């Protein structure tokens, strides 16, 4: 009975203050209507894009003549685009292009101008990742055409800044390669000079064939010398012909001298062989590395002139035909509802306070 009496009491109190409640609710409804009429309409434009694979901007791998088939980027590339899109460089590129200080009625020369314009811009602009890992760019403006233009230009700026980062990294790598090539060329010159000096010192023209040639020459000379000595001994013992004896004596002396010269040449060859082959191996390795670096440098230089987008647009900036806010009906209904509730609570408090007194 106490609960029933309490509810009846509340109803009676509300009936007693019915006129005031209705007037207050109507006044708030009218006031909210007037306020919403002065609120400007905002239009929202949206674009969707996927990050392009960074591999599209890289040189074609050595030995390959096809571009990578995966044109879409991964989460790392998407995060990179999000980082660029929230940077001051990106923000102020758009602000300066459209002179948004004037549109947002912010004095450009004021001390807090940059902070105010930055804050205001991001109240009306947003970049986010959708559940499908796409990049969503959204802009609001009082002018629907301006909202679309801001989104369109934001895509251009984002793509340009992203490409600049990629090109800067490629340029840094290209400079590193250039320095590496210069060092290798200098090293190659030193090795060639050292190799030339060693060849001259040891009389080695070719490590590939000279050893075999010297071996044959030595073998042939040795055989001829042995034959000449045998004939010389024969003519010494038999004294058949003095002319033949002198002939084979001269031949033996000549072949002996030749044999000594060949031995010296072989000894020099053997001494210089290991040193020269070591330098030749170093030179071959260096030349292979140099050829690889030159090819990479050439590909890198060609890549600098290639134009590959960092964004793949799947939905261009939409033209907003309808306003996005304010939702006047919801504002008025909400304000009216809360005015009615607060009015009821207020009269109950007032009536309760009077009954206590």
Foldseek 3Di string as FASTA:
>chain_A
DVVVVVVVVLVVLCVVCVVVLVVLLVVLLVVLLVVQVPDFFKFKKKFKWFFFDLQQLAFDDPPDDDGDPRGGHDVVLLVVLVVVLLDPVLVVVLCVVVVCCVVVVHDCPDPCRSVVSSVVQPVFWDWDADPVRIIMTMGMHSDLVVRQVSQQVSLVSSQVVVVVVSLVVLVVVLVVLVVVLVVLVVVLVVLVVVLVVLCVVLVPDDLVCPLVVLVVVLVVLVVQLVVLVVQLVVCVVVVPDPVSNVVSVVVNVVSVVVNVVSVSSNVSCVVSNVVNVVSVVVSVVSVVVSVVSVVSSVSSVVSSPDDDTRIGTPGRIDRGPDTPDDPSVVSSVVSSVVSSVVVSVVSVVVVVVVVVD
